[in-house]
Protein backbone atom coordinates (compact mmCIF):
# COMPACT_ATOMS: atom_id res chain seq x y z
CA UNK A 1 107.05 71.65 126.16
CA UNK A 2 106.92 68.06 126.44
CA UNK A 3 109.13 65.50 124.50
CA UNK A 4 106.28 64.26 122.60
CA UNK A 5 105.18 67.93 121.61
CA UNK A 6 108.74 68.50 120.65
CA UNK A 7 108.86 65.35 118.50
CA UNK A 8 105.59 66.53 116.77
CA UNK A 9 106.98 70.03 116.20
CA UNK A 10 110.14 68.59 114.32
CA UNK A 11 108.49 66.45 111.86
CA UNK A 12 108.88 67.97 108.57
CA UNK A 13 108.23 65.02 106.11
CA UNK A 14 105.51 62.32 106.02
CA UNK A 15 108.27 59.55 106.46
CA UNK A 16 109.05 60.97 109.75
CA UNK A 17 105.58 60.52 111.23
CA UNK A 18 105.02 57.63 113.51
CA UNK A 19 102.88 54.41 112.83
CA UNK A 20 100.35 55.65 115.33
CA UNK A 21 100.18 59.03 114.02
CA UNK A 22 99.60 57.37 110.34
CA UNK A 23 97.03 55.31 111.63
CA UNK A 24 95.25 58.01 113.51
CA UNK A 25 95.24 60.14 110.29
CA UNK A 26 93.70 57.33 108.27
CA UNK A 27 91.17 56.45 110.91
CA UNK A 28 89.97 59.91 110.70
CA UNK A 29 90.10 60.47 106.97
CA UNK A 30 87.91 57.11 106.54
CA UNK A 31 85.71 58.32 109.01
CA UNK A 32 85.06 61.70 107.17
CA UNK A 33 84.92 59.86 103.82
CA UNK A 34 81.96 57.76 104.92
CA UNK A 35 80.54 60.95 106.84
CA UNK A 36 80.42 62.39 103.22
CA UNK A 37 78.86 59.24 101.80
CA UNK A 38 76.09 58.61 104.40
CA UNK A 39 75.59 62.43 104.47
CA UNK A 40 74.51 62.95 101.02
CA UNK A 41 72.78 59.58 99.99
CA UNK A 42 69.24 61.19 101.22
CA UNK A 43 69.70 64.78 99.54
CA UNK A 44 70.50 62.95 96.25
CA UNK A 45 67.13 61.05 96.28
CA UNK A 46 65.07 63.18 98.84
CA UNK A 47 62.25 64.74 96.61
CA UNK A 48 61.72 61.55 94.73
CA UNK A 49 61.96 59.02 97.67
CA UNK A 50 59.62 61.34 99.89
CA UNK A 51 57.24 61.65 97.08
CA UNK A 52 57.20 57.82 96.84
CA UNK A 53 56.67 57.47 100.60
CA UNK A 54 53.78 60.00 100.01
CA UNK A 55 52.28 58.11 97.32
CA UNK A 56 53.10 60.49 94.43
CA UNK A 57 55.47 61.04 91.45
CA UNK A 58 54.86 64.84 91.52
CA UNK A 59 57.79 66.42 93.18
CA UNK A 60 56.33 69.79 92.77
CA UNK A 61 53.61 68.93 95.39
CA UNK A 62 53.55 71.19 98.34
CA UNK A 63 53.70 68.29 100.86
CA UNK A 64 56.77 66.78 99.35
CA UNK A 65 59.05 69.47 99.78
CA UNK A 66 57.34 70.26 103.29
CA UNK A 67 58.17 66.80 104.49
CA UNK A 68 61.54 66.57 102.75
CA UNK A 69 62.78 69.82 104.54
CA UNK A 70 61.16 68.39 107.98
CA UNK A 71 63.33 65.22 107.60
CA UNK A 72 66.59 67.18 106.48
CA UNK A 73 65.77 69.20 109.58
CA UNK A 74 65.43 66.29 111.94
CA UNK A 75 68.91 65.10 110.29
CA UNK A 76 70.50 68.53 111.22
CA UNK A 77 69.15 68.38 114.71
CA UNK A 78 70.55 65.08 115.08
CA UNK A 79 73.88 66.07 113.84
CA UNK A 80 73.94 68.60 116.57
CA UNK A 81 72.89 66.34 119.47
CA UNK A 82 75.22 63.77 118.31
CA UNK A 83 77.85 66.27 118.33
CA UNK A 84 77.54 67.18 121.83
CA UNK A 85 76.88 63.74 122.98
CA UNK A 86 79.75 61.77 121.40
CA UNK A 87 81.87 64.93 121.82
CA UNK A 88 81.39 64.64 125.41
CA UNK A 89 81.86 60.76 125.20
CA UNK A 90 85.06 61.16 123.49
CA UNK A 91 86.33 63.23 126.50
CA UNK A 92 85.45 60.65 128.94
CA UNK A 93 86.15 57.12 126.88
CA UNK A 94 88.94 58.61 124.50
CA UNK A 95 89.25 59.60 120.83
CA UNK A 96 89.67 55.98 119.15
CA UNK A 97 87.15 54.27 120.97
CA UNK A 98 84.37 57.01 120.64
CA UNK A 99 85.37 57.32 116.79
CA UNK A 100 84.11 53.48 116.28
CA UNK A 101 80.90 54.18 118.10
CA UNK A 102 80.19 57.15 115.84
CA UNK A 103 80.87 55.31 112.82
CA UNK A 104 78.67 52.24 113.76
CA UNK A 105 75.62 54.64 114.62
CA UNK A 106 75.48 56.54 111.17
CA UNK A 107 76.23 53.39 109.21
CA UNK A 108 73.65 51.26 110.77
CA UNK A 109 70.89 53.86 110.70
CA UNK A 110 71.69 54.90 107.10
CA UNK A 111 71.20 51.33 106.11
CA UNK A 112 68.14 50.93 108.02
CA UNK A 113 66.61 53.79 106.10
CA UNK A 114 65.97 51.22 103.18
CA UNK A 115 63.15 49.76 105.18
CA UNK A 116 61.26 52.99 105.65
CA UNK A 117 57.72 52.74 104.51
CA UNK A 118 56.50 56.06 105.94
CA UNK A 119 57.99 59.63 105.68
CA UNK A 120 58.15 59.68 109.65
CA UNK A 121 59.98 56.55 109.55
CA UNK A 122 62.61 58.07 107.51
CA UNK A 123 62.86 60.94 109.70
CA UNK A 124 63.69 58.80 112.79
CA UNK A 125 66.34 56.90 110.80
CA UNK A 126 68.11 60.05 109.61
CA UNK A 127 67.92 61.74 112.96
CA UNK A 128 69.60 58.65 114.39
CA UNK A 129 72.29 58.29 111.60
CA UNK A 130 73.00 62.03 112.09
CA UNK A 131 74.01 61.30 115.87
CA UNK A 132 76.93 59.42 114.55
CA UNK A 133 77.98 61.88 111.70
CA UNK A 134 77.80 64.80 114.27
CA UNK A 135 80.00 62.83 116.63
CA UNK A 136 82.49 61.63 114.05
CA UNK A 137 83.48 65.22 113.33
CA UNK A 138 84.39 66.37 117.01
CA UNK A 139 86.14 63.14 117.72
CA UNK A 140 88.19 63.01 114.45
CA UNK A 141 89.29 66.58 114.58
CA UNK A 142 90.51 66.21 118.38
CA UNK A 143 92.31 62.80 117.15
CA UNK A 144 94.31 64.49 114.84
CA UNK A 145 94.77 67.74 116.56
CA UNK A 146 96.52 65.66 119.56
CA UNK A 147 98.49 63.45 117.23
CA UNK A 148 99.82 65.48 114.24
CA UNK A 149 102.17 68.50 113.93
CA UNK A 150 100.58 71.82 114.71
CA UNK A 151 102.32 73.58 111.64
CA UNK A 152 100.64 71.10 109.37
CA UNK A 153 97.15 71.66 110.61
CA UNK A 154 95.70 73.85 107.91
CA UNK A 155 96.72 71.14 105.38
CA UNK A 156 95.49 68.44 107.54
CA UNK A 157 92.21 70.41 107.62
CA UNK A 158 92.28 70.57 103.63
CA UNK A 159 92.84 66.85 103.47
CA UNK A 160 90.06 66.02 105.85
CA UNK A 161 87.74 68.17 104.15
CA UNK A 162 88.39 66.53 101.03
CA UNK A 163 87.72 63.15 102.54
CA UNK A 164 84.10 64.33 103.06
CA UNK A 165 84.12 65.66 99.30
CA UNK A 166 85.32 62.45 98.16
CA UNK A 167 82.70 60.64 100.16
CA UNK A 168 79.89 62.75 98.71
CA UNK A 169 81.44 62.17 94.96
CA UNK A 170 81.14 58.42 95.94
CA UNK A 171 77.57 58.75 96.98
CA UNK A 172 76.94 60.62 93.51
CA UNK A 173 78.60 57.74 91.50
CA UNK A 174 76.85 55.02 93.73
CA UNK A 175 73.34 56.76 92.86
CA UNK A 176 74.25 57.23 89.29
CA UNK A 177 75.39 53.47 89.05
CA UNK A 178 72.30 52.28 90.65
CA UNK A 179 70.10 54.38 88.47
CA UNK A 180 71.59 52.23 85.44
CA UNK A 181 69.35 49.26 86.72
CA UNK A 182 66.08 49.06 85.13
CA UNK A 183 64.39 48.12 88.38
CA UNK A 184 66.26 50.96 90.29
CA UNK A 185 64.45 52.36 93.40
CA UNK A 186 65.65 55.58 95.33
CA UNK A 187 65.61 53.25 98.50
CA UNK A 188 68.41 51.12 97.46
CA UNK A 189 71.07 53.78 98.06
CA UNK A 190 70.72 53.50 101.64
CA UNK A 191 72.26 50.18 101.61
CA UNK A 192 75.42 51.78 100.30
CA UNK A 193 75.42 53.43 103.68
CA UNK A 194 76.36 50.19 105.59
CA UNK A 195 79.74 50.02 104.17
CA UNK A 196 81.33 52.34 106.90
CA UNK A 197 80.57 49.65 109.53
CA UNK A 198 83.23 47.41 108.15
CA UNK A 199 86.20 50.10 108.88
CA UNK A 200 85.51 50.15 112.60
CA UNK A 201 86.95 46.48 112.82
CA UNK A 202 90.25 48.04 111.68
CA UNK A 203 90.17 51.33 113.75
CA UNK A 204 89.08 49.44 117.08
CA UNK A 205 92.34 47.06 116.69
CA UNK A 206 94.81 49.38 115.06
CA UNK A 207 94.38 52.96 116.27
CA UNK A 208 95.68 53.94 119.86
CA UNK A 209 94.34 56.46 122.03
CA UNK A 210 96.21 59.60 122.16
CA UNK A 211 99.02 60.37 124.38
CA UNK A 212 97.74 63.97 125.26
CA UNK A 213 94.26 62.57 126.26
CA UNK A 214 95.91 59.93 128.54
CA UNK A 215 98.19 62.57 130.31
CA UNK A 216 95.22 64.93 130.74
CA UNK A 217 93.17 62.02 132.41
CA UNK A 218 96.04 61.25 134.99
CA UNK A 219 94.90 62.37 138.29
CA UNK A 220 92.31 64.62 137.07
CA UNK A 221 88.54 65.06 137.44
CA UNK A 222 86.46 65.24 134.39
CA UNK A 223 85.34 69.11 133.95
CA UNK A 224 81.49 69.65 133.81
CA UNK A 225 80.09 71.00 130.70
CA UNK A 226 79.18 74.00 132.23
CA UNK A 227 82.89 74.80 132.33
CA UNK A 228 82.56 75.84 128.41
CA UNK A 229 80.73 79.02 130.03
CA UNK A 230 83.28 79.72 132.68
CA UNK A 231 85.02 83.22 132.87
CA UNK A 232 88.05 81.45 131.01
CA UNK A 233 86.14 79.90 128.10
CA UNK A 234 82.79 81.75 127.46
CA UNK A 235 83.92 84.40 125.26
CA UNK A 236 85.43 81.54 122.91
CA UNK A 237 82.48 79.48 123.36
CA UNK A 238 79.91 82.07 122.31
CA UNK A 239 81.75 83.40 119.58
CA UNK A 240 82.49 80.06 117.84
CA UNK A 241 79.01 79.02 118.52
CA UNK A 242 77.63 82.10 116.73
CA UNK A 243 79.61 81.94 113.90
CA UNK A 244 78.95 78.13 113.29
CA UNK A 245 75.45 78.50 113.98
CA UNK A 246 74.85 81.40 111.31
CA UNK A 247 77.19 80.08 108.65
CA UNK A 248 75.88 76.71 108.81
CA UNK A 249 72.23 77.83 108.39
CA UNK A 250 73.09 79.77 105.37
CA UNK A 251 75.37 76.73 104.00
CA UNK A 252 72.90 73.89 104.55
CA UNK A 253 70.00 76.31 102.93
CA UNK A 254 72.13 76.18 99.90
CA UNK A 255 73.13 72.69 99.91
CA UNK A 256 69.76 71.04 100.47
CA UNK A 257 67.59 73.56 98.25
CA UNK A 258 70.00 73.79 95.53
CA UNK A 259 68.71 70.27 94.36
CA UNK A 260 65.08 71.76 94.20
CA UNK A 261 66.48 75.03 92.34
CA UNK A 262 68.21 73.16 89.62
CA UNK A 263 65.28 70.51 89.03
CA UNK A 264 63.06 73.58 88.34
CA UNK A 265 65.63 75.35 86.07
CA UNK A 266 63.94 76.41 82.89
CA UNK A 267 66.38 74.17 80.67
CA UNK A 268 65.48 71.21 83.03
CA UNK A 269 61.96 71.13 83.48
CA UNK A 270 61.10 69.99 80.06
CA UNK A 271 63.62 67.13 80.00
CA UNK A 272 62.33 63.27 80.08
CA UNK A 273 62.52 61.74 83.58
CA UNK A 274 65.39 59.80 83.14
CA UNK A 275 67.64 62.76 81.93
CA UNK A 276 66.10 64.97 84.54
CA UNK A 277 67.22 62.73 87.53
CA UNK A 278 70.85 63.15 86.46
CA UNK A 279 70.85 66.76 86.70
CA UNK A 280 71.11 67.09 90.61
CA UNK A 281 73.97 64.52 90.38
CA UNK A 282 75.84 66.78 88.12
CA UNK A 283 75.14 70.02 90.01
CA UNK A 284 76.40 68.43 93.32
CA UNK A 285 79.47 66.95 91.40
CA UNK A 286 80.62 70.45 90.25
CA UNK A 287 80.07 71.84 93.83
CA UNK A 288 82.29 68.98 95.02
CA UNK A 289 84.91 69.53 92.41
CA UNK A 290 84.97 73.40 93.44
CA UNK A 291 85.18 72.44 97.00
CA UNK A 292 88.00 69.93 96.63
CA UNK A 293 90.14 73.00 95.20
CA UNK A 294 88.74 75.17 97.99
CA UNK A 295 89.89 73.12 100.62
CA UNK A 296 93.66 73.79 99.72
CA UNK A 297 92.67 77.19 98.94
CA UNK A 298 91.41 77.85 102.38
CA UNK A 299 94.34 75.93 103.71
CA UNK A 300 96.55 78.26 102.00
CA UNK A 301 94.96 81.41 102.96
CA UNK A 302 95.05 80.15 106.55
CA UNK A 303 98.89 79.41 106.37
CA UNK A 304 99.46 83.00 104.93
CA UNK A 305 97.09 85.08 106.86
CA UNK A 306 95.92 83.10 109.80
CA UNK A 307 92.41 81.52 110.58
CA UNK A 308 90.48 84.81 111.36
CA UNK A 309 91.19 86.40 108.02
CA UNK A 310 90.82 83.34 105.98
CA UNK A 311 87.29 83.01 107.52
CA UNK A 312 86.49 86.79 106.72
CA UNK A 313 87.53 86.51 103.16
CA UNK A 314 85.84 83.14 102.23
CA UNK A 315 82.52 83.86 103.93
CA UNK A 316 82.39 87.26 102.25
CA UNK A 317 83.01 85.45 98.83
CA UNK A 318 80.56 82.80 99.55
CA UNK A 319 77.57 85.66 100.15
CA UNK A 320 78.87 87.39 96.79
CA UNK A 321 78.81 84.20 94.71
CA UNK A 322 75.45 83.30 96.02
CA UNK A 323 74.27 87.08 95.27
CA UNK A 324 75.28 86.63 91.70
CA UNK A 325 73.99 83.12 91.16
CA UNK A 326 70.48 83.78 92.42
CA UNK A 327 69.82 87.28 91.62
CA UNK A 328 68.80 86.15 87.98
CA UNK A 329 68.38 83.01 86.11
CA UNK A 330 71.65 81.92 84.34
CA UNK A 331 71.89 79.33 81.33
CA UNK A 332 72.16 75.66 83.05
CA UNK A 333 75.96 75.41 82.00
CA UNK A 334 76.60 78.91 83.52
CA UNK A 335 74.85 77.79 86.83
CA UNK A 336 77.15 74.76 86.99
CA UNK A 337 80.16 77.08 86.91
CA UNK A 338 78.82 79.30 89.33
CA UNK A 339 78.17 76.27 91.83
CA UNK A 340 81.61 75.12 91.25
CA UNK A 341 82.70 78.67 92.40
CA UNK A 342 80.44 78.40 95.53
CA UNK A 343 81.88 74.95 96.29
CA UNK A 344 85.37 76.57 96.09
CA UNK A 345 84.29 79.02 99.04
CA UNK A 346 82.95 75.94 101.15
CA UNK A 347 86.51 75.14 101.75
CA UNK A 348 86.26 77.49 104.70
CA UNK A 349 84.36 74.96 106.74
CA UNK A 350 87.37 72.44 106.69
CA UNK A 351 89.17 75.24 108.64
CA UNK A 352 86.97 74.71 111.59
CA UNK A 353 88.35 71.09 111.88
CA UNK A 354 91.87 72.44 113.12
CA UNK A 355 91.07 75.75 114.38
CA UNK A 356 88.24 75.11 116.91
CA UNK A 357 89.51 71.99 119.11
CA UNK A 358 92.95 73.88 120.28
CA UNK A 359 90.69 76.63 121.52
CA UNK A 360 89.55 74.53 124.27
CA UNK A 361 91.22 72.69 127.08
CA UNK A 362 92.20 69.09 126.36
CA UNK A 363 89.16 67.36 128.64
CA UNK A 364 87.05 69.75 127.14
CA UNK A 365 88.22 69.71 123.55
CA UNK A 366 85.80 67.14 121.75
CA UNK A 367 83.01 68.57 124.11
CA UNK A 368 83.88 72.23 123.24
CA UNK A 369 84.48 71.58 119.47
CA UNK A 370 81.35 69.33 119.21
CA UNK A 371 79.10 71.57 121.19
CA UNK A 372 80.11 74.77 119.04
CA UNK A 373 80.11 73.33 115.55
CA UNK A 374 77.31 70.98 115.89
CA UNK A 375 74.91 72.94 117.79
CA UNK A 376 74.79 75.27 114.98
CA UNK A 377 72.86 72.58 113.09
CA UNK A 378 69.87 73.43 115.29
CA UNK A 379 69.78 76.77 113.69
CA UNK A 380 70.58 75.19 110.30
CA UNK A 381 67.70 72.79 110.75
CA UNK A 382 65.27 75.51 111.40
CA UNK A 383 66.65 77.73 108.60
CA UNK A 384 66.33 74.93 106.13
CA UNK A 385 62.66 74.52 107.03
CA UNK A 386 62.09 78.17 107.14
CA UNK A 387 63.59 78.97 103.54
CA UNK A 388 61.85 76.01 102.14
CA UNK A 389 58.29 76.82 103.44
CA UNK A 390 58.34 80.58 102.46
CA UNK A 391 59.74 79.66 99.13
CA UNK A 392 57.45 80.21 96.24
CA UNK A 393 56.48 76.28 94.97
CA UNK A 394 58.92 75.16 92.38
CA UNK A 395 61.13 78.51 92.65
CA UNK A 396 63.81 78.48 95.28
CA UNK A 397 65.62 81.46 93.77
CA UNK A 398 64.40 83.87 96.31
CA UNK A 399 65.20 81.82 99.48
CA UNK A 400 68.71 81.03 98.31
CA UNK A 401 69.17 84.62 97.35
CA UNK A 402 68.19 85.88 101.20
CA UNK A 403 70.06 83.16 102.56
CA UNK A 404 73.27 84.51 101.34
CA UNK A 405 72.97 87.66 103.39
CA UNK A 406 73.65 85.42 106.59
CA UNK A 407 77.41 85.21 105.54
CA UNK A 408 77.99 88.82 106.11
CA UNK A 409 77.49 89.19 110.00
CA UNK A 410 79.58 85.66 110.01
CA UNK A 411 82.32 87.40 108.13
CA UNK A 412 82.06 90.13 110.65
CA UNK A 413 82.17 88.18 113.62
CA UNK A 414 85.29 86.27 112.40
CA UNK A 415 87.22 89.14 113.12
CA UNK A 416 87.06 88.58 116.83
CA UNK A 417 87.66 84.95 116.58
CA UNK A 418 90.58 84.13 119.19
CA UNK A 419 93.95 83.00 118.02
CA UNK A 420 94.91 79.55 119.13
CA UNK A 421 95.22 79.46 123.07
CA UNK A 422 96.05 75.96 123.88
CA UNK A 423 99.34 76.57 125.74
CA UNK A 424 97.54 79.19 128.20
CA UNK A 425 94.54 76.99 128.67
CA UNK A 426 94.40 74.67 131.86
CA UNK A 427 94.36 70.92 131.14
CA UNK A 428 91.82 70.61 134.36
């Protein structure tokens, strides 16, 4: 073990962290915070804004849901492509420099969505913004896995995932604040998405590249991406890819279509417009509250049982809670409670942050983590459109209920997820 690794392993308290470690942690946290912000600005205004672009205020129209789901699908595809592209770039250019590029990408193109005048304009801007959001995940995860103590990783994963949750809460409060203006228009929310660009000035100046990345680059040739499917790595690659693809399909079906579900709840359909538009914000707020608690619950499970069993238990619980929630129509207050419970199980996705990168060699780390986690967005994109198109108009209960079954094979596949192998893998 190197002296740097020895130093990391001996760290037991926040005060013992180096300045570089603290700056790397803050940079990754801010990147994920703004990820969450830009990520959900669209979902909070999707049905209304797409309706405006189509020239209608009727969010129940078939074409509104159809084009809204296509735009979200394009976003998820862009997320996948960005995860692979920027993941590869992170292994070539380094973690810090690539982190700056990813944040600038999603900030600029989220802001440009303000000027969309056709539904396909919005689709293009969301696709391009997603390139940066997808890339930031792999780069930020690798940055921390290479700089922070290994035994802290489950808690680091929880704190990072909380950054996404706080970003989403910031998006909720931003939309709520903007709605208080009498001249409010949904497109205003996209201007909020420009804020992350400011943090890149600090990251570029203050956050150094990791020692592990520098050491791996010395005297070595960058391995081709095809190495992910070599004899050494292919089992891990295929298994991680399958788990991510299936789980993200079910997760994003819930996260996108729960807005349509809650808007057409029997206690909501008769509300006046001003009050009705606050209901999706409230629903997402309770999901995020549950998720904030769930992040640390997932971290505790991973510490106690290991990543494998934590995945199995939380994915199974996610399925069961969705079955309960969408098997019948509950009161609105009970639905909020069930949404918070589902949010708790979403802490499982924070575990991927620290679980996936160490499974790959150093010079394939952001490539492998970015590819496996983000390529799942392609399947999630198809699932979002599929479940939306085949749902009855105004009733997303059935599509959300059946989407929950996808978590069962994910829980089973998690049993074969390898334990961390970074000490056994070559650096190339």
